[in-house]
């Protein structure tokens, strides 16, 4: 099962949407939707884009707003992203201090283009580690630098923690632990 298939299934279950109705929303048969969920077929571009739109992790409930405040007031270098799209949801002052772009410019923007090779490798292993199946909820690994002036990543240890937002979508808290 791929991450979009898992995300689609989670979205459906959390909202009580039957496969037949979800298939109708995406303009496909129920059998096709089932194959997407099981990872037997890749979700095509247009449907994947629509799914990404549906699954965007918002921070609009009271509890989620509290999470945003905690992240934005943390003394640690942390940021919160949508687990699927890698869009920035919130960041601490310590994190923004190292970035040349400000919060308004980056909030809602995917940070994936700034990822190091080590981050990309860690991301590719999440499925086998059970990240999407409520297995592993925390992962630490060593990363190198990305040499990017806008969102620089220094060599050191990163810790990812998976969090579920109030609407059921998943977010990832990213903490730099040090060298």
C-alpha atoms as a PDB file:
ATOM      1  CA  UNK A   1       0.000   0.000   0.000  1.00  0.00           C
ATOM      2  CA  UNK A   2       1.389   3.429  -0.892  1.00  0.00           C
ATOM      3  CA  UNK A   3       1.040   6.566   1.222  1.00  0.00           C
ATOM      4  CA  UNK A   4      -1.764   8.030  -0.917  1.00  0.00           C
ATOM      5  CA  UNK A   5      -3.701   4.760  -0.741  1.00  0.00           C
ATOM      6  CA  UNK A   6      -3.329   4.647   3.043  1.00  0.00           C
ATOM      7  CA  UNK A   7      -4.285   8.302   3.313  1.00  0.00           C
ATOM      8  CA  UNK A   8      -7.367   7.777   1.141  1.00  0.00           C
ATOM      9  CA  UNK A   9      -8.500   4.845   3.253  1.00  0.00           C
ATOM     10  CA  UNK A  10      -7.894   6.774   6.502  1.00  0.00           C
ATOM     11  CA  UNK A  11      -9.791   9.802   5.139  1.00  0.00           C
ATOM     12  CA  UNK A  12     -12.751   7.614   4.169  1.00  0.00           C
ATOM     13  CA  UNK A  13     -12.880   5.791   7.506  1.00  0.00           C
ATOM     14  CA  UNK A  14     -12.539   8.911   9.643  1.00  0.00           C
ATOM     15  CA  UNK A  15     -15.413  10.582   7.808  1.00  0.00           C
ATOM     16  CA  UNK A  16     -17.618   7.530   7.395  1.00  0.00           C
ATOM     17  CA  UNK A  17     -17.463   7.719   3.593  1.00  0.00           C
ATOM     18  CA  UNK A  18     -18.262   4.478   1.788  1.00  0.00           C
ATOM     19  CA  UNK A  19     -15.998   3.300  -0.997  1.00  0.00           C
ATOM     20  CA  UNK A  20     -18.793   3.680  -3.533  1.00  0.00           C
ATOM     21  CA  UNK A  21     -19.337   7.333  -2.601  1.00  0.00           C
ATOM     22  CA  UNK A  22     -15.599   8.086  -2.618  1.00  0.00           C
ATOM     23  CA  UNK A  23     -15.326   6.406  -6.027  1.00  0.00           C
ATOM     24  CA  UNK A  24     -18.128   8.634  -7.272  1.00  0.00           C
ATOM     25  CA  UNK A  25     -16.315  11.729  -5.947  1.00  0.00           C
ATOM     26  CA  UNK A  26     -13.184  10.745  -7.870  1.00  0.00           C
ATOM     27  CA  UNK A  27     -15.088   9.656 -10.989  1.00  0.00           C
ATOM     28  CA  UNK A  28     -13.915   6.035 -10.888  1.00  0.00           C
ATOM     29  CA  UNK A  29     -15.404   2.634 -10.127  1.00  0.00           C
ATOM     30  CA  UNK A  30     -15.446   1.203  -6.623  1.00  0.00           C
ATOM     31  CA  UNK A  31     -13.051  -1.519  -7.788  1.00  0.00           C
ATOM     32  CA  UNK A  32     -10.551   1.111  -8.967  1.00  0.00           C
ATOM     33  CA  UNK A  33     -10.783   2.965  -5.673  1.00  0.00           C
ATOM     34  CA  UNK A  34     -10.230  -0.290  -3.803  1.00  0.00           C
ATOM     35  CA  UNK A  35      -7.104  -0.960  -5.885  1.00  0.00           C
ATOM     36  CA  UNK A  36      -5.822   2.548  -5.087  1.00  0.00           C
ATOM     37  CA  UNK A  37      -6.346   1.975  -1.372  1.00  0.00           C
ATOM     38  CA  UNK A  38      -4.510  -1.348  -1.456  1.00  0.00           C
ATOM     39  CA  UNK A  39      -1.672   0.147  -3.494  1.00  0.00           C
ATOM     40  CA  UNK A  40      -2.261  -2.147  -6.468  1.00  0.00           C
ATOM     41  CA  UNK A  41      -2.706   0.823  -8.795  1.00  0.00           C
ATOM     42  CA  UNK A  42      -1.077   4.207  -8.638  1.00  0.00           C
ATOM     43  CA  UNK A  43      -3.478   7.103  -8.169  1.00  0.00           C
ATOM     44  CA  UNK A  44      -3.304   9.242 -11.344  1.00  0.00           C
ATOM     45  CA  UNK A  45      -2.221  12.887 -11.198  1.00  0.00           C
ATOM     46  CA  UNK A  46      -5.622  14.601 -11.210  1.00  0.00           C
ATOM     47  CA  UNK A  47      -7.060  12.278  -8.547  1.00  0.00           C
ATOM     48  CA  UNK A  48      -3.864  12.488  -6.465  1.00  0.00           C
ATOM     49  CA  UNK A  49      -4.087  16.290  -6.596  1.00  0.00           C
ATOM     50  CA  UNK A  50      -7.730  16.206  -5.467  1.00  0.00           C
ATOM     51  CA  UNK A  51      -6.854  13.751  -2.694  1.00  0.00           C
ATOM     52  CA  UNK A  52      -4.032  16.024  -1.539  1.00  0.00           C
ATOM     53  CA  UNK A  53      -6.520  18.890  -1.395  1.00  0.00           C
ATOM     54  CA  UNK A  54      -8.938  16.813   0.695  1.00  0.00           C
ATOM     55  CA  UNK A  55      -6.189  15.635   3.032  1.00  0.00           C
ATOM     56  CA  UNK A  56      -4.459  18.938   3.673  1.00  0.00           C
ATOM     57  CA  UNK A  57      -3.794  19.144   7.357  1.00  0.00           C
ATOM     58  CA  UNK A  58      -5.461  22.308   8.651  1.00  0.00           C
ATOM     59  CA  UNK A  59      -4.880  23.811  12.074  1.00  0.00           C
ATOM     60  CA  UNK A  60      -8.305  25.340  12.479  1.00  0.00           C
ATOM     61  CA  UNK A  61      -9.856  23.676  15.529  1.00  0.00           C
ATOM     62  CA  UNK A  62      -9.291  24.976  19.053  1.00  0.00           C
ATOM     63  CA  UNK A  63      -7.058  22.000  19.930  1.00  0.00           C
ATOM     64  CA  UNK A  64      -5.060  22.351  16.739  1.00  0.00           C
ATOM     65  CA  UNK A  65      -4.686  26.090  17.315  1.00  0.00           C
ATOM     66  CA  UNK A  66      -3.255  25.205  20.733  1.00  0.00           C
ATOM     67  CA  UNK A  67      -0.750  22.901  19.054  1.00  0.00           C
ATOM     68  CA  UNK A  68       0.234  25.726  16.705  1.00  0.00           C
ATOM     69  CA  UNK A  69       0.787  28.053  19.676  1.00  0.00           C
ATOM     70  CA  UNK A  70       2.948  25.439  21.412  1.00  0.00           C
ATOM     71  CA  UNK A  71       5.100  24.999  18.318  1.00  0.00           C
ATOM     72  CA  UNK A  72       5.316  28.736  17.647  1.00  0.00           C
ATOM     73  CA  UNK A  73       6.366  29.467  21.232  1.00  0.00           C
ATOM     74  CA  UNK A  74       8.833  26.586  21.621  1.00  0.00           C
ATOM     75  CA  UNK A  75      12.440  27.428  22.468  1.00  0.00           C
ATOM     76  CA  UNK A  76      13.524  24.337  20.497  1.00  0.00           C
ATOM     77  CA  UNK A  77      14.137  24.368  16.735  1.00  0.00           C
ATOM     78  CA  UNK A  78      10.896  22.639  15.690  1.00  0.00           C
ATOM     79  CA  UNK A  79       8.380  22.861  12.903  1.00  0.00           C
ATOM     80  CA  UNK A  80       5.085  21.150  12.119  1.00  0.00           C
ATOM     81  CA  UNK A  81       4.247  19.913   8.630  1.00  0.00           C
ATOM     82  CA  UNK A  82       1.403  18.054   6.957  1.00  0.00           C
ATOM     83  CA  UNK A  83       2.575  14.430   6.969  1.00  0.00           C
ATOM     84  CA  UNK A  84       1.423  13.827   3.398  1.00  0.00           C
ATOM     85  CA  UNK A  85       2.198  17.050   1.522  1.00  0.00           C
ATOM     86  CA  UNK A  86       5.049  18.375   3.726  1.00  0.00           C
ATOM     87  CA  UNK A  87       3.347  21.796   3.788  1.00  0.00           C
ATOM     88  CA  UNK A  88       4.535  23.966   6.657  1.00  0.00           C
ATOM     89  CA  UNK A  89       1.858  24.429   9.323  1.00  0.00           C
ATOM     90  CA  UNK A  90       3.877  26.127  12.075  1.00  0.00           C
ATOM     91  CA  UNK A  91       7.467  26.754  13.168  1.00  0.00           C
ATOM     92  CA  UNK A  92       9.238  27.923  16.290  1.00  0.00           C
ATOM     93  CA  UNK A  93      11.221  31.174  16.500  1.00  0.00           C
ATOM     94  CA  UNK A  94      14.387  29.070  16.856  1.00  0.00           C
ATOM     95  CA  UNK A  95      13.586  27.364  13.542  1.00  0.00           C
ATOM     96  CA  UNK A  96      12.694  30.582  11.722  1.00  0.00           C
ATOM     97  CA  UNK A  97      15.902  32.199  13.004  1.00  0.00           C
ATOM     98  CA  UNK A  98      17.891  29.915  10.693  1.00  0.00           C
ATOM     99  CA  UNK A  99      15.650  30.479   7.648  1.00  0.00           C
ATOM    100  CA  UNK A 100      15.954  33.509   5.380  1.00  0.00           C
ATOM    101  CA  UNK A 101      12.234  33.471   4.488  1.00  0.00           C
ATOM    102  CA  UNK A 102       9.654  34.578   7.029  1.00  0.00           C
ATOM    103  CA  UNK A 103       6.646  32.709   8.378  1.00  0.00           C
ATOM    104  CA  UNK A 104       4.139  34.347   6.047  1.00  0.00           C
ATOM    105  CA  UNK A 105       6.153  33.324   2.984  1.00  0.00           C
ATOM    106  CA  UNK A 106       6.587  29.684   4.005  1.00  0.00           C
ATOM    107  CA  UNK A 107       3.361  28.798   5.825  1.00  0.00           C
ATOM    108  CA  UNK A 108       1.376  26.498   3.549  1.00  0.00           C
ATOM    109  CA  UNK A 109       4.376  25.805   1.290  1.00  0.00           C
ATOM    110  CA  UNK A 110       5.772  22.280   0.904  1.00  0.00           C
ATOM    111  CA  UNK A 111       9.254  22.010   2.401  1.00  0.00           C
ATOM    112  CA  UNK A 112      10.029  18.833   0.433  1.00  0.00           C
ATOM    113  CA  UNK A 113      12.218  20.660  -2.092  1.00  0.00           C
ATOM    114  CA  UNK A 114      14.611  21.558   0.757  1.00  0.00           C
ATOM    115  CA  UNK A 115      15.008  17.936   1.929  1.00  0.00           C
ATOM    116  CA  UNK A 116      18.460  16.371   2.176  1.00  0.00           C
ATOM    117  CA  UNK A 117      19.248  12.956   0.716  1.00  0.00           C
ATOM    118  CA  UNK A 118      19.040  11.505   4.239  1.00  0.00           C
ATOM    119  CA  UNK A 119      15.566  12.990   4.754  1.00  0.00           C
ATOM    120  CA  UNK A 120      14.431  11.551   1.418  1.00  0.00           C
ATOM    121  CA  UNK A 121      15.785   8.112   2.379  1.00  0.00           C
ATOM    122  CA  UNK A 122      14.067   8.251   5.779  1.00  0.00           C
ATOM    123  CA  UNK A 123      10.802   9.245   4.083  1.00  0.00           C
ATOM    124  CA  UNK A 124      11.075   6.321   1.653  1.00  0.00           C
ATOM    125  CA  UNK A 125      11.355   3.882   4.603  1.00  0.00           C
ATOM    126  CA  UNK A 126       8.286   5.102   6.488  1.00  0.00           C
ATOM    127  CA  UNK A 127       5.943   2.552   4.915  1.00  0.00           C
ATOM    128  CA  UNK A 128       8.092  -0.445   5.807  1.00  0.00           C
ATOM    129  CA  UNK A 129       8.487   0.900   9.367  1.00  0.00           C
ATOM    130  CA  UNK A 130       4.708   1.013   9.854  1.00  0.00           C
ATOM    131  CA  UNK A 131       4.487   4.813   9.997  1.00  0.00           C
ATOM    132  CA  UNK A 132       1.205   4.878   8.045  1.00  0.00           C
ATOM    133  CA  UNK A 133      -0.298   1.888   9.864  1.00  0.00           C
ATOM    134  CA  UNK A 134      -0.088   3.342  13.370  1.00  0.00           C
ATOM    135  CA  UNK A 135       3.101   1.397  14.005  1.00  0.00           C
ATOM    136  CA  UNK A 136       6.083   3.675  14.503  1.00  0.00           C
ATOM    137  CA  UNK A 137       5.107   7.180  15.622  1.00  0.00           C
ATOM    138  CA  UNK A 138       8.621   8.515  16.247  1.00  0.00           C
ATOM    139  CA  UNK A 139      11.759   8.254  14.156  1.00  0.00           C
ATOM    140  CA  UNK A 140      15.216   9.757  14.703  1.00  0.00           C
ATOM    141  CA  UNK A 141      18.001   9.791  12.143  1.00  0.00           C
ATOM    142  CA  UNK A 142      21.158  11.661  11.233  1.00  0.00           C
ATOM    143  CA  UNK A 143      21.047  14.091   8.316  1.00  0.00           C
ATOM    144  CA  UNK A 144      23.620  16.058   6.406  1.00  0.00           C
ATOM    145  CA  UNK A 145      23.402  19.666   5.254  1.00  0.00           C
ATOM    146  CA  UNK A 146      21.365  20.833   2.283  1.00  0.00           C
ATOM    147  CA  UNK A 147      23.390  24.013   1.569  1.00  0.00           C
ATOM    148  CA  UNK A 148      20.191  25.954   0.837  1.00  0.00           C
ATOM    149  CA  UNK A 149      20.185  29.631   1.830  1.00  0.00           C
ATOM    150  CA  UNK A 150      16.386  29.895   2.175  1.00  0.00           C
ATOM    151  CA  UNK A 151      15.701  26.881   4.405  1.00  0.00           C
ATOM    152  CA  UNK A 152      19.114  25.596   5.463  1.00  0.00           C
ATOM    153  CA  UNK A 153      19.390  22.218   7.132  1.00  0.00           C
ATOM    154  CA  UNK A 154      22.464  21.734   9.289  1.00  0.00           C
ATOM    155  CA  UNK A 155      24.050  18.323   9.859  1.00  0.00           C
ATOM    156  CA  UNK A 156      22.697  16.653  12.969  1.00  0.00           C
ATOM    157  CA  UNK A 157      19.926  14.467  14.312  1.00  0.00           C
ATOM    158  CA  UNK A 158      16.306  15.003  13.332  1.00  0.00           C
ATOM    159  CA  UNK A 159      13.374  13.532  15.206  1.00  0.00           C
ATOM    160  CA  UNK A 160      10.015  13.082  13.504  1.00  0.00           C
ATOM    161  CA  UNK A 161       6.884  12.547  15.576  1.00  0.00           C
ATOM    162  CA  UNK A 162       3.544  11.739  13.982  1.00  0.00           C
ATOM    163  CA  UNK A 163       0.538  13.571  15.421  1.00  0.00           C
ATOM    164  CA  UNK A 164      -3.120  13.266  14.545  1.00  0.00           C
ATOM    165  CA  UNK A 165      -5.001  16.537  14.178  1.00  0.00           C
ATOM    166  CA  UNK A 166      -8.598  16.972  15.299  1.00  0.00           C
ATOM    167  CA  UNK A 167      -9.982  16.209  11.832  1.00  0.00           C
ATOM    168  CA  UNK A 168      -7.983  12.964  11.635  1.00  0.00           C
ATOM    169  CA  UNK A 169      -5.311  14.135   9.220  1.00  0.00           C
ATOM    170  CA  UNK A 170      -1.727  13.474  10.175  1.00  0.00           C
ATOM    171  CA  UNK A 171       0.938  16.039  10.929  1.00  0.00           C
ATOM    172  CA  UNK A 172       4.636  15.595  11.632  1.00  0.00           C
ATOM    173  CA  UNK A 173       6.549  17.444  14.321  1.00  0.00           C
ATOM    174  CA  UNK A 174      10.171  17.861  13.206  1.00  0.00           C
ATOM    175  CA  UNK A 175      12.758  18.600  15.906  1.00  0.00           C
ATOM    176  CA  UNK A 176      16.470  19.234  15.428  1.00  0.00           C
ATOM    177  CA  UNK A 177      18.210  17.503  18.322  1.00  0.00           C
ATOM    178  CA  UNK A 178      21.778  18.568  17.629  1.00  0.00           C
ATOM    179  CA  UNK A 179      24.924  17.346  16.024  1.00  0.00           C
END
